[in-house]
């Protein structure tokens, strides 16, 4: 398959020249800080299926092209699918809203499929975080086995302030990495942490000079890949089995249902518009209908 929103290459183990066993996935939308549009989601879903079937690859490195790792979901295409921008997707007529919600739901289902495949790869995965990793970008790193960050990395879970919720395992994995209170703070405030703070709280495992990021990632991948094939695979499988003790199909279903419910609200559309317009969001829904205190909302100055 020819990839446009991704780059895919296979490299020799630097510890064992002549043994091509390390894969490199590069998110390739540098002009948009590698924000995930529909094409990137589809390509990543297809590529991860291909990688999972490859019995030669031992380690897979995930990084971003240019200044960013991944700036989350691409809000322009998100807004088009939800009718949050004028002329959305060129759809008109009586089925306009139904079609918009259909394509919105589809993009989230494809993303969930791709993220499950990333987390379930039999190969060891290393996130080489070369710059900002926010929203789904941060969540992708938590799905990898090991996280190495450049000194230029910035990480944050910005879904809630933008009118969304984490949808790629963030609510499941962040508390296990940084603790419940810190995870709540990151998720509910959208706080961005730099590389130094990220390693201090356990969000990443190591911080290295930016120019050496990929070299360090390949060096670590080579050390892992030089070990016995089955020992590495079985060790990863068992570690992930215990790590994923709270991962269930029911959890995935509820995660997706929550995302689809939220993306049908006015607040979600407002969040996207505000983010695109670089202004503070004016969240009102469902309170603009006076819910659940209709009489008081109708007379806001009335006192008991």
C-alpha atoms as a PDB file:
ATOM      1  CA  UNK A   1       0.000   0.000   0.000  1.00  0.00           C
ATOM      2  CA  UNK A   2       1.226   3.497  -0.823  1.00  0.00           C
ATOM      3  CA  UNK A   3       1.056   5.826   2.176  1.00  0.00           C
ATOM      4  CA  UNK A   4       0.558   9.587   2.012  1.00  0.00           C
ATOM      5  CA  UNK A   5      -0.167  10.641   5.599  1.00  0.00           C
ATOM      6  CA  UNK A   6       2.455   8.213   6.935  1.00  0.00           C
ATOM      7  CA  UNK A   7       5.975   7.121   6.141  1.00  0.00           C
ATOM      8  CA  UNK A   8       6.892   3.476   6.682  1.00  0.00           C
ATOM      9  CA  UNK A   9      10.366   1.963   6.486  1.00  0.00           C
ATOM     10  CA  UNK A  10      12.218  -1.102   7.751  1.00  0.00           C
ATOM     11  CA  UNK A  11      15.776  -0.789   9.103  1.00  0.00           C
ATOM     12  CA  UNK A  12      18.652  -3.023  10.075  1.00  0.00           C
ATOM     13  CA  UNK A  13      19.390  -3.695  13.698  1.00  0.00           C
ATOM     14  CA  UNK A  14      22.354  -1.410  14.497  1.00  0.00           C
ATOM     15  CA  UNK A  15      23.623  -4.173  16.789  1.00  0.00           C
ATOM     16  CA  UNK A  16      23.345  -6.784  14.035  1.00  0.00           C
ATOM     17  CA  UNK A  17      24.001  -5.330  10.569  1.00  0.00           C
ATOM     18  CA  UNK A  18      22.194  -7.256   7.858  1.00  0.00           C
ATOM     19  CA  UNK A  19      19.175  -8.055  10.030  1.00  0.00           C
ATOM     20  CA  UNK A  20      16.228  -5.855   8.928  1.00  0.00           C
ATOM     21  CA  UNK A  21      13.976  -6.152  11.980  1.00  0.00           C
ATOM     22  CA  UNK A  22      13.152  -2.599  13.137  1.00  0.00           C
ATOM     23  CA  UNK A  23      10.187  -0.752  11.672  1.00  0.00           C
ATOM     24  CA  UNK A  24       9.782   3.027  11.689  1.00  0.00           C
ATOM     25  CA  UNK A  25       6.349   4.663  11.431  1.00  0.00           C
ATOM     26  CA  UNK A  26       6.508   8.410  10.836  1.00  0.00           C
ATOM     27  CA  UNK A  27       3.322  10.473  11.071  1.00  0.00           C
ATOM     28  CA  UNK A  28       3.617  12.634   7.978  1.00  0.00           C
ATOM     29  CA  UNK A  29       1.526  15.811   8.091  1.00  0.00           C
ATOM     30  CA  UNK A  30       4.257  18.185   9.283  1.00  0.00           C
ATOM     31  CA  UNK A  31       2.435  21.352   8.191  1.00  0.00           C
ATOM     32  CA  UNK A  32      -0.312  20.443  10.682  1.00  0.00           C
ATOM     33  CA  UNK A  33       1.959  19.108  13.448  1.00  0.00           C
ATOM     34  CA  UNK A  34       0.832  15.657  12.294  1.00  0.00           C
ATOM     35  CA  UNK A  35      -2.757  16.154  13.443  1.00  0.00           C
ATOM     36  CA  UNK A  36      -4.785  13.046  12.619  1.00  0.00           C
ATOM     37  CA  UNK A  37      -7.107  13.505   9.666  1.00  0.00           C
ATOM     38  CA  UNK A  38      -9.303  10.714   8.215  1.00  0.00           C
ATOM     39  CA  UNK A  39      -6.595   9.578   5.761  1.00  0.00           C
ATOM     40  CA  UNK A  40      -3.986   9.163   8.501  1.00  0.00           C
ATOM     41  CA  UNK A  41      -6.451   7.127  10.560  1.00  0.00           C
ATOM     42  CA  UNK A  42      -7.208   4.820   7.641  1.00  0.00           C
ATOM     43  CA  UNK A  43      -3.557   4.410   6.696  1.00  0.00           C
ATOM     44  CA  UNK A  44      -2.483   3.739  10.272  1.00  0.00           C
ATOM     45  CA  UNK A  45      -5.230   1.157  10.704  1.00  0.00           C
ATOM     46  CA  UNK A  46      -4.133  -0.646   7.520  1.00  0.00           C
ATOM     47  CA  UNK A  47      -0.396  -0.415   8.280  1.00  0.00           C
ATOM     48  CA  UNK A  48      -0.756  -1.791  11.803  1.00  0.00           C
ATOM     49  CA  UNK A  49      -2.608  -4.812  10.436  1.00  0.00           C
ATOM     50  CA  UNK A  50       0.289  -5.367   8.034  1.00  0.00           C
ATOM     51  CA  UNK A  51       2.876  -5.025  10.806  1.00  0.00           C
ATOM     52  CA  UNK A  52       1.037  -7.439  13.099  1.00  0.00           C
ATOM     53  CA  UNK A  53       1.294 -10.139  10.429  1.00  0.00           C
ATOM     54  CA  UNK A  54       5.038  -9.581   9.925  1.00  0.00           C
ATOM     55  CA  UNK A  55       7.032 -12.252  11.752  1.00  0.00           C
ATOM     56  CA  UNK A  56      10.419 -10.659  10.937  1.00  0.00           C
ATOM     57  CA  UNK A  57       9.930  -7.310  12.650  1.00  0.00           C
ATOM     58  CA  UNK A  58      10.906  -7.275  16.314  1.00  0.00           C
ATOM     59  CA  UNK A  59      10.572  -3.612  17.297  1.00  0.00           C
ATOM     60  CA  UNK A  60       8.496  -0.732  15.895  1.00  0.00           C
ATOM     61  CA  UNK A  61       9.365   2.932  16.499  1.00  0.00           C
ATOM     62  CA  UNK A  62       6.649   5.593  16.187  1.00  0.00           C
ATOM     63  CA  UNK A  63       7.580   9.255  15.634  1.00  0.00           C
ATOM     64  CA  UNK A  64       6.455  12.404  13.841  1.00  0.00           C
ATOM     65  CA  UNK A  65       7.771  14.336  10.853  1.00  0.00           C
ATOM     66  CA  UNK A  66       8.909  17.906  11.433  1.00  0.00           C
ATOM     67  CA  UNK A  67       8.364  19.875  14.655  1.00  0.00           C
ATOM     68  CA  UNK A  68       5.587  17.791  16.178  1.00  0.00           C
ATOM     69  CA  UNK A  69       4.809  14.249  17.207  1.00  0.00           C
ATOM     70  CA  UNK A  70       1.028  14.580  16.881  1.00  0.00           C
ATOM     71  CA  UNK A  71      -1.188  17.570  17.680  1.00  0.00           C
ATOM     72  CA  UNK A  72      -4.251  15.383  18.232  1.00  0.00           C
ATOM     73  CA  UNK A  73      -7.234  15.094  15.932  1.00  0.00           C
ATOM     74  CA  UNK A  74      -7.420  17.355  12.895  1.00  0.00           C
ATOM     75  CA  UNK A  75     -10.054  19.866  13.965  1.00  0.00           C
ATOM     76  CA  UNK A  76     -10.811  21.078  10.440  1.00  0.00           C
ATOM     77  CA  UNK A  77     -11.985  17.662   9.268  1.00  0.00           C
ATOM     78  CA  UNK A  78     -13.634  17.057  12.674  1.00  0.00           C
ATOM     79  CA  UNK A  79     -15.593  20.281  12.275  1.00  0.00           C
ATOM     80  CA  UNK A  80     -16.608  19.399   8.715  1.00  0.00           C
ATOM     81  CA  UNK A  81     -18.040  16.071   9.831  1.00  0.00           C
ATOM     82  CA  UNK A  82     -20.071  17.760  12.585  1.00  0.00           C
ATOM     83  CA  UNK A  83     -21.339  20.715  10.583  1.00  0.00           C
ATOM     84  CA  UNK A  84     -19.383  23.110  12.795  1.00  0.00           C
ATOM     85  CA  UNK A  85     -18.032  25.078   9.816  1.00  0.00           C
ATOM     86  CA  UNK A  86     -19.922  26.551   6.897  1.00  0.00           C
ATOM     87  CA  UNK A  87     -20.170  24.452   3.767  1.00  0.00           C
ATOM     88  CA  UNK A  88     -19.356  21.300   5.714  1.00  0.00           C
ATOM     89  CA  UNK A  89     -18.409  18.394   3.431  1.00  0.00           C
ATOM     90  CA  UNK A  90     -20.599  19.729   0.626  1.00  0.00           C
ATOM     91  CA  UNK A  91     -23.615  17.847   1.997  1.00  0.00           C
ATOM     92  CA  UNK A  92     -27.080  19.345   1.661  1.00  0.00           C
ATOM     93  CA  UNK A  93     -30.694  18.243   1.661  1.00  0.00           C
ATOM     94  CA  UNK A  94     -32.831  16.337   4.168  1.00  0.00           C
ATOM     95  CA  UNK A  95     -30.085  13.812   4.980  1.00  0.00           C
ATOM     96  CA  UNK A  96     -27.431  16.445   5.720  1.00  0.00           C
ATOM     97  CA  UNK A  97     -27.329  16.044   9.530  1.00  0.00           C
ATOM     98  CA  UNK A  98     -27.643  12.269   9.352  1.00  0.00           C
ATOM     99  CA  UNK A  99     -24.761  12.051   6.880  1.00  0.00           C
ATOM    100  CA  UNK A 100     -22.591  14.348   8.994  1.00  0.00           C
ATOM    101  CA  UNK A 101     -23.127  12.207  12.081  1.00  0.00           C
ATOM    102  CA  UNK A 102     -22.510   9.030  10.073  1.00  0.00           C
ATOM    103  CA  UNK A 103     -19.110  10.264   8.907  1.00  0.00           C
ATOM    104  CA  UNK A 104     -18.295  11.587  12.368  1.00  0.00           C
ATOM    105  CA  UNK A 105     -19.091   8.193  13.906  1.00  0.00           C
ATOM    106  CA  UNK A 106     -17.060   6.428  11.231  1.00  0.00           C
ATOM    107  CA  UNK A 107     -13.924   8.491  11.873  1.00  0.00           C
ATOM    108  CA  UNK A 108     -14.042   7.630  15.585  1.00  0.00           C
ATOM    109  CA  UNK A 109     -14.619   3.927  14.906  1.00  0.00           C
ATOM    110  CA  UNK A 110     -11.619   3.831  12.552  1.00  0.00           C
ATOM    111  CA  UNK A 111      -9.477   5.604  15.152  1.00  0.00           C
ATOM    112  CA  UNK A 112     -10.474   3.153  17.875  1.00  0.00           C
ATOM    113  CA  UNK A 113      -9.662   0.249  15.563  1.00  0.00           C
ATOM    114  CA  UNK A 114      -6.202   1.666  14.790  1.00  0.00           C
ATOM    115  CA  UNK A 115      -5.405   2.399  18.434  1.00  0.00           C
ATOM    116  CA  UNK A 116      -6.405  -1.110  19.543  1.00  0.00           C
ATOM    117  CA  UNK A 117      -4.105  -2.537  16.896  1.00  0.00           C
ATOM    118  CA  UNK A 118      -1.231  -0.329  18.053  1.00  0.00           C
ATOM    119  CA  UNK A 119      -1.663  -1.453  21.642  1.00  0.00           C
ATOM    120  CA  UNK A 120      -1.948  -5.110  20.615  1.00  0.00           C
ATOM    121  CA  UNK A 121       1.069  -5.313  18.287  1.00  0.00           C
ATOM    122  CA  UNK A 122       3.186  -8.360  19.128  1.00  0.00           C
ATOM    123  CA  UNK A 123       6.322  -6.326  18.394  1.00  0.00           C
ATOM    124  CA  UNK A 124       7.798  -4.076  21.077  1.00  0.00           C
ATOM    125  CA  UNK A 125       6.772  -0.470  20.408  1.00  0.00           C
ATOM    126  CA  UNK A 126       8.792   2.667  21.188  1.00  0.00           C
ATOM    127  CA  UNK A 127       7.328   6.165  20.971  1.00  0.00           C
ATOM    128  CA  UNK A 128      10.052   8.637  19.944  1.00  0.00           C
ATOM    129  CA  UNK A 129       8.332  11.884  20.925  1.00  0.00           C
ATOM    130  CA  UNK A 130       9.980  14.593  18.853  1.00  0.00           C
ATOM    131  CA  UNK A 131       7.715  17.531  19.745  1.00  0.00           C
ATOM    132  CA  UNK A 132       4.166  18.328  20.886  1.00  0.00           C
ATOM    133  CA  UNK A 133       2.087  15.228  21.652  1.00  0.00           C
ATOM    134  CA  UNK A 134      -1.398  16.266  22.708  1.00  0.00           C
ATOM    135  CA  UNK A 135      -4.843  14.684  22.694  1.00  0.00           C
ATOM    136  CA  UNK A 136      -4.747  11.495  20.673  1.00  0.00           C
ATOM    137  CA  UNK A 137      -1.026  12.181  20.163  1.00  0.00           C
ATOM    138  CA  UNK A 138      -0.432  11.772  23.889  1.00  0.00           C
ATOM    139  CA  UNK A 139      -2.748   8.779  24.044  1.00  0.00           C
ATOM    140  CA  UNK A 140      -0.811   7.050  21.257  1.00  0.00           C
ATOM    141  CA  UNK A 141       2.358   7.321  23.318  1.00  0.00           C
ATOM    142  CA  UNK A 142       0.615   5.669  26.287  1.00  0.00           C
ATOM    143  CA  UNK A 143      -0.315   2.749  24.025  1.00  0.00           C
ATOM    144  CA  UNK A 144       3.364   2.164  23.208  1.00  0.00           C
ATOM    145  CA  UNK A 145       5.548   0.002  25.447  1.00  0.00           C
ATOM    146  CA  UNK A 146       8.352   2.550  25.938  1.00  0.00           C
ATOM    147  CA  UNK A 147       8.382   6.357  25.613  1.00  0.00           C
ATOM    148  CA  UNK A 148      11.536   8.360  24.802  1.00  0.00           C
ATOM    149  CA  UNK A 149      11.070  12.124  24.554  1.00  0.00           C
ATOM    150  CA  UNK A 150      13.095  14.862  22.956  1.00  0.00           C
ATOM    151  CA  UNK A 151      13.872  17.826  25.174  1.00  0.00           C
ATOM    152  CA  UNK A 152      11.470  19.734  22.890  1.00  0.00           C
ATOM    153  CA  UNK A 153       8.511  17.476  23.658  1.00  0.00           C
ATOM    154  CA  UNK A 154       5.346  18.900  25.186  1.00  0.00           C
ATOM    155  CA  UNK A 155       2.590  16.569  26.317  1.00  0.00           C
ATOM    156  CA  UNK A 156      -1.008  17.127  27.312  1.00  0.00           C
ATOM    157  CA  UNK A 157      -4.528  15.713  27.234  1.00  0.00           C
ATOM    158  CA  UNK A 158      -6.523  18.587  25.742  1.00  0.00           C
ATOM    159  CA  UNK A 159      -9.739  16.791  24.770  1.00  0.00           C
ATOM    160  CA  UNK A 160     -11.988  18.003  27.598  1.00  0.00           C
ATOM    161  CA  UNK A 161     -11.202  21.744  27.290  1.00  0.00           C
ATOM    162  CA  UNK A 162     -11.743  21.401  23.522  1.00  0.00           C
ATOM    163  CA  UNK A 163     -15.211  19.915  24.007  1.00  0.00           C
ATOM    164  CA  UNK A 164     -14.263  16.240  23.580  1.00  0.00           C
ATOM    165  CA  UNK A 165     -13.107  13.427  25.862  1.00  0.00           C
ATOM    166  CA  UNK A 166     -10.074  11.118  25.630  1.00  0.00           C
ATOM    167  CA  UNK A 167     -11.002   8.295  23.285  1.00  0.00           C
ATOM    168  CA  UNK A 168      -7.863   6.220  22.775  1.00  0.00           C
ATOM    169  CA  UNK A 169      -7.218   4.692  26.157  1.00  0.00           C
ATOM    170  CA  UNK A 170      -6.205   7.904  27.918  1.00  0.00           C
ATOM    171  CA  UNK A 171      -8.659   7.470  30.783  1.00  0.00           C
ATOM    172  CA  UNK A 172      -7.408   3.897  31.264  1.00  0.00           C
ATOM    173  CA  UNK A 173      -3.661   4.308  30.807  1.00  0.00           C
ATOM    174  CA  UNK A 174      -2.846   7.743  32.218  1.00  0.00           C
ATOM    175  CA  UNK A 175      -3.830   6.863  35.820  1.00  0.00           C
ATOM    176  CA  UNK A 176      -1.586   3.804  35.688  1.00  0.00           C
ATOM    177  CA  UNK A 177       1.368   5.861  34.455  1.00  0.00           C
ATOM    178  CA  UNK A 178       1.110   9.008  36.574  1.00  0.00           C
ATOM    179  CA  UNK A 179      -1.411   8.192  39.329  1.00  0.00           C
ATOM    180  CA  UNK A 180      -5.096   8.976  39.640  1.00  0.00           C
ATOM    181  CA  UNK A 181      -4.864  12.569  40.870  1.00  0.00           C
ATOM    182  CA  UNK A 182      -2.281  13.659  38.307  1.00  0.00           C
ATOM    183  CA  UNK A 183      -4.219  11.913  35.517  1.00  0.00           C
ATOM    184  CA  UNK A 184      -7.418  13.679  36.581  1.00  0.00           C
ATOM    185  CA  UNK A 185      -5.604  17.008  36.554  1.00  0.00           C
ATOM    186  CA  UNK A 186      -4.130  16.442  33.094  1.00  0.00           C
ATOM    187  CA  UNK A 187      -7.441  15.252  31.640  1.00  0.00           C
ATOM    188  CA  UNK A 188      -9.763  17.803  33.245  1.00  0.00           C
ATOM    189  CA  UNK A 189      -7.611  20.926  32.823  1.00  0.00           C
ATOM    190  CA  UNK A 190      -5.764  20.311  29.558  1.00  0.00           C
ATOM    191  CA  UNK A 191      -2.485  21.158  31.296  1.00  0.00           C
ATOM    192  CA  UNK A 192       0.583  20.837  29.062  1.00  0.00           C
ATOM    193  CA  UNK A 193       3.792  19.526  30.633  1.00  0.00           C
ATOM    194  CA  UNK A 194       7.301  19.822  29.252  1.00  0.00           C
ATOM    195  CA  UNK A 195       9.699  16.928  28.817  1.00  0.00           C
ATOM    196  CA  UNK A 196      11.397  17.432  32.168  1.00  0.00           C
ATOM    197  CA  UNK A 197       8.088  17.326  34.055  1.00  0.00           C
ATOM    198  CA  UNK A 198       6.882  14.406  31.947  1.00  0.00           C
ATOM    199  CA  UNK A 199       9.830  12.234  32.982  1.00  0.00           C
ATOM    200  CA  UNK A 200       9.506  13.350  36.602  1.00  0.00           C
ATOM    201  CA  UNK A 201       5.881  12.193  36.842  1.00  0.00           C
ATOM    202  CA  UNK A 202       6.460   8.986  34.871  1.00  0.00           C
ATOM    203  CA  UNK A 203       4.653  10.022  31.704  1.00  0.00           C
ATOM    204  CA  UNK A 204       7.794   9.303  29.664  1.00  0.00           C
ATOM    205  CA  UNK A 205      10.692   6.997  30.499  1.00  0.00           C
ATOM    206  CA  UNK A 206      13.632   9.052  29.244  1.00  0.00           C
ATOM    207  CA  UNK A 207      14.460  12.505  27.872  1.00  0.00           C
ATOM    208  CA  UNK A 208      17.304  12.911  25.389  1.00  0.00           C
ATOM    209  CA  UNK A 209      18.759  15.782  23.321  1.00  0.00           C
ATOM    210  CA  UNK A 210      16.545  16.451  20.307  1.00  0.00           C
ATOM    211  CA  UNK A 211      19.233  15.715  17.725  1.00  0.00           C
ATOM    212  CA  UNK A 212      19.861  12.296  19.256  1.00  0.00           C
ATOM    213  CA  UNK A 213      16.239  11.186  19.623  1.00  0.00           C
ATOM    214  CA  UNK A 214      16.027   8.691  16.775  1.00  0.00           C
ATOM    215  CA  UNK A 215      19.578   7.489  17.335  1.00  0.00           C
ATOM    216  CA  UNK A 216      18.728   6.680  20.963  1.00  0.00           C
ATOM    217  CA  UNK A 217      15.441   5.052  19.923  1.00  0.00           C
ATOM    218  CA  UNK A 218      17.201   2.839  17.373  1.00  0.00           C
ATOM    219  CA  UNK A 219      19.934   1.978  19.860  1.00  0.00           C
ATOM    220  CA  UNK A 220      17.344   0.814  22.387  1.00  0.00           C
ATOM    221  CA  UNK A 221      15.408  -1.027  19.678  1.00  0.00           C
ATOM    222  CA  UNK A 222      18.624  -2.780  18.629  1.00  0.00           C
ATOM    223  CA  UNK A 223      19.356  -3.929  22.182  1.00  0.00           C
ATOM    224  CA  UNK A 224      15.839  -5.342  22.494  1.00  0.00           C
ATOM    225  CA  UNK A 225      15.882  -6.965  19.055  1.00  0.00           C
ATOM    226  CA  UNK A 226      19.227  -8.665  19.753  1.00  0.00           C
ATOM    227  CA  UNK A 227      17.576 -10.787  22.443  1.00  0.00           C
ATOM    228  CA  UNK A 228      15.926 -14.144  21.684  1.00  0.00           C
ATOM    229  CA  UNK A 229      12.820 -13.688  19.529  1.00  0.00           C
ATOM    230  CA  UNK A 230      10.367 -15.728  21.589  1.00  0.00           C
ATOM    231  CA  UNK A 231      11.686 -14.457  24.912  1.00  0.00           C
ATOM    232  CA  UNK A 232      11.020 -10.869  23.878  1.00  0.00           C
ATOM    233  CA  UNK A 233       7.578 -11.625  22.463  1.00  0.00           C
ATOM    234  CA  UNK A 234       6.429 -13.673  25.424  1.00  0.00           C
ATOM    235  CA  UNK A 235       7.825 -11.183  27.927  1.00  0.00           C
ATOM    236  CA  UNK A 236       5.905  -8.361  26.241  1.00  0.00           C
ATOM    237  CA  UNK A 237       2.745 -10.468  26.032  1.00  0.00           C
ATOM    238  CA  UNK A 238       2.806 -11.244  29.752  1.00  0.00           C
ATOM    239  CA  UNK A 239       3.618  -7.695  30.836  1.00  0.00           C
ATOM    240  CA  UNK A 240       0.788  -6.354  28.676  1.00  0.00           C
ATOM    241  CA  UNK A 241      -1.587  -9.023  29.955  1.00  0.00           C
ATOM    242  CA  UNK A 242      -1.172  -7.734  33.495  1.00  0.00           C
ATOM    243  CA  UNK A 243      -1.059  -4.073  32.403  1.00  0.00           C
ATOM    244  CA  UNK A 244      -4.368  -4.473  30.574  1.00  0.00           C
ATOM    245  CA  UNK A 245      -6.193  -6.047  33.504  1.00  0.00           C
ATOM    246  CA  UNK A 246      -8.883  -3.373  33.257  1.00  0.00           C
ATOM    247  CA  UNK A 247      -9.189  -3.331  29.465  1.00  0.00           C
ATOM    248  CA  UNK A 248     -12.440  -4.882  28.248  1.00  0.00           C
ATOM    249  CA  UNK A 249     -14.628  -4.859  25.173  1.00  0.00           C
ATOM    250  CA  UNK A 250     -17.293  -3.268  27.354  1.00  0.00           C
ATOM    251  CA  UNK A 251     -14.859  -0.473  28.194  1.00  0.00           C
ATOM    252  CA  UNK A 252     -14.164   0.155  24.516  1.00  0.00           C
ATOM    253  CA  UNK A 253     -17.905   0.213  23.814  1.00  0.00           C
ATOM    254  CA  UNK A 254     -18.593   2.730  26.565  1.00  0.00           C
ATOM    255  CA  UNK A 255     -15.651   4.876  25.470  1.00  0.00           C
ATOM    256  CA  UNK A 256     -16.976   5.029  21.908  1.00  0.00           C
ATOM    257  CA  UNK A 257     -20.564   5.662  23.027  1.00  0.00           C
ATOM    258  CA  UNK A 258     -19.401   8.580  25.212  1.00  0.00           C
ATOM    259  CA  UNK A 259     -17.447  10.079  22.310  1.00  0.00           C
ATOM    260  CA  UNK A 260     -20.386   9.803  19.928  1.00  0.00           C
ATOM    261  CA  UNK A 261     -22.785  11.335  22.458  1.00  0.00           C
ATOM    262  CA  UNK A 262     -20.484  14.286  23.136  1.00  0.00           C
ATOM    263  CA  UNK A 263     -19.846  14.986  19.454  1.00  0.00           C
ATOM    264  CA  UNK A 264     -23.577  15.545  19.003  1.00  0.00           C
ATOM    265  CA  UNK A 265     -23.632  18.497  21.424  1.00  0.00           C
ATOM    266  CA  UNK A 266     -23.431  22.219  20.782  1.00  0.00           C
ATOM    267  CA  UNK A 267     -20.563  22.419  23.265  1.00  0.00           C
ATOM    268  CA  UNK A 268     -18.449  20.132  21.088  1.00  0.00           C
ATOM    269  CA  UNK A 269     -19.016  22.343  18.059  1.00  0.00           C
ATOM    270  CA  UNK A 270     -18.259  25.454  20.127  1.00  0.00           C
ATOM    271  CA  UNK A 271     -15.050  23.870  21.402  1.00  0.00           C
ATOM    272  CA  UNK A 272     -13.843  23.210  17.869  1.00  0.00           C
ATOM    273  CA  UNK A 273     -14.770  26.696  16.647  1.00  0.00           C
ATOM    274  CA  UNK A 274     -13.053  28.340  19.627  1.00  0.00           C
ATOM    275  CA  UNK A 275      -9.894  26.285  19.166  1.00  0.00           C
ATOM    276  CA  UNK A 276      -9.736  27.126  15.464  1.00  0.00           C
ATOM    277  CA  UNK A 277     -10.409  30.811  16.157  1.00  0.00           C
ATOM    278  CA  UNK A 278      -7.886  30.911  19.041  1.00  0.00           C
ATOM    279  CA  UNK A 279     -10.380  32.278  21.571  1.00  0.00           C
ATOM    280  CA  UNK A 280     -11.909  31.160  24.839  1.00  0.00           C
ATOM    281  CA  UNK A 281     -14.829  28.786  24.370  1.00  0.00           C
ATOM    282  CA  UNK A 282     -18.299  29.850  25.515  1.00  0.00           C
ATOM    283  CA  UNK A 283     -19.776  26.606  26.758  1.00  0.00           C
ATOM    284  CA  UNK A 284     -23.505  26.667  27.536  1.00  0.00           C
ATOM    285  CA  UNK A 285     -25.189  23.447  26.443  1.00  0.00           C
ATOM    286  CA  UNK A 286     -27.269  21.903  27.973  1.00  0.00           C
ATOM    287  CA  UNK A 287     -27.679  24.831  30.331  1.00  0.00           C
ATOM    288  CA  UNK A 288     -28.871  27.146  27.579  1.00  0.00           C
ATOM    289  CA  UNK A 289     -32.180  25.298  27.837  1.00  0.00           C
ATOM    290  CA  UNK A 290     -32.308  25.963  31.572  1.00  0.00           C
ATOM    291  CA  UNK A 291     -31.577  22.327  32.405  1.00  0.00           C
ATOM    292  CA  UNK A 292     -32.148  21.142  35.067  1.00  0.00           C
ATOM    293  CA  UNK A 293     -33.429  24.333  36.729  1.00  0.00           C
ATOM    294  CA  UNK A 294     -35.687  25.773  34.042  1.00  0.00           C
ATOM    295  CA  UNK A 295     -37.676  28.102  36.313  1.00  0.00           C
ATOM    296  CA  UNK A 296     -34.575  29.534  37.980  1.00  0.00           C
ATOM    297  CA  UNK A 297     -32.803  29.915  34.659  1.00  0.00           C
ATOM    298  CA  UNK A 298     -35.791  31.850  33.345  1.00  0.00           C
ATOM    299  CA  UNK A 299     -35.533  34.222  36.330  1.00  0.00           C
ATOM    300  CA  UNK A 300     -31.819  34.307  37.140  1.00  0.00           C
ATOM    301  CA  UNK A 301     -32.155  37.300  39.510  1.00  0.00           C
ATOM    302  CA  UNK A 302     -34.940  35.808  41.599  1.00  0.00           C
ATOM    303  CA  UNK A 303     -33.831  35.000  45.140  1.00  0.00           C
ATOM    304  CA  UNK A 304     -35.201  32.472  47.581  1.00  0.00           C
END
